[in-house]
Protein backbone atom coordinates (compact mmCIF):
# COMPACT_ATOMS: atom_id res chain seq x y z
CA MET A 1 28.80 40.51 286.80
CA SER A 2 27.30 38.40 283.72
CA VAL A 3 23.99 38.90 282.74
CA GLU A 4 23.26 35.00 283.74
CA GLU A 5 24.56 35.65 287.10
CA THR A 6 22.78 39.02 287.47
CA LEU A 7 19.46 36.78 286.72
CA ARG A 8 19.90 34.32 289.16
CA LEU A 9 20.75 37.14 291.75
CA ARG A 10 17.03 38.45 290.97
CA GLU A 11 15.58 35.55 290.75
CA ARG A 12 16.88 34.69 294.55
CA ALA A 13 16.04 38.12 295.56
CA LEU A 14 12.41 37.74 294.29
CA ALA A 15 12.08 34.72 295.69
CA ALA A 16 13.24 35.52 299.12
CA SER A 17 10.97 38.64 299.53
CA SER A 18 8.48 38.22 302.57
CA ASN A 19 5.81 41.07 300.33
CA ALA A 20 3.98 39.32 297.66
CA ILE A 21 5.07 39.65 293.98
CA ILE A 22 3.26 39.23 291.00
CA ILE A 23 4.16 39.75 287.45
CA ALA A 24 1.65 39.94 284.68
CA ASP A 25 2.17 40.03 281.12
CA ALA A 26 0.32 43.38 280.18
CA ARG A 27 0.71 42.32 276.04
CA LEU A 28 -1.23 39.02 276.81
CA ALA A 29 -4.86 38.82 276.80
CA HIS A 30 -6.47 39.55 280.62
CA HIS A 31 -2.84 39.92 281.61
CA LEU A 32 -1.91 36.68 282.20
CA VAL A 33 -0.33 36.61 285.37
CA ILE A 34 3.33 34.86 284.68
CA TYR A 35 4.76 34.73 287.85
CA VAL A 36 4.22 35.08 291.66
CA ASN A 37 6.78 34.65 294.45
CA PRO A 38 6.33 32.51 297.33
CA ALA A 39 5.24 34.63 299.56
CA PHE A 40 1.99 35.51 297.50
CA GLU A 41 0.56 32.02 298.62
């Protein structure tokens, strides 16, 4: 499996999850949120 295929699969899994997933960048000021999946809404 190529890197691109792995990333696409991971993105689909995150988006399809029924659990809310939030990703924040701890390197940025105030730990800005950079991703939430649809279950978060």
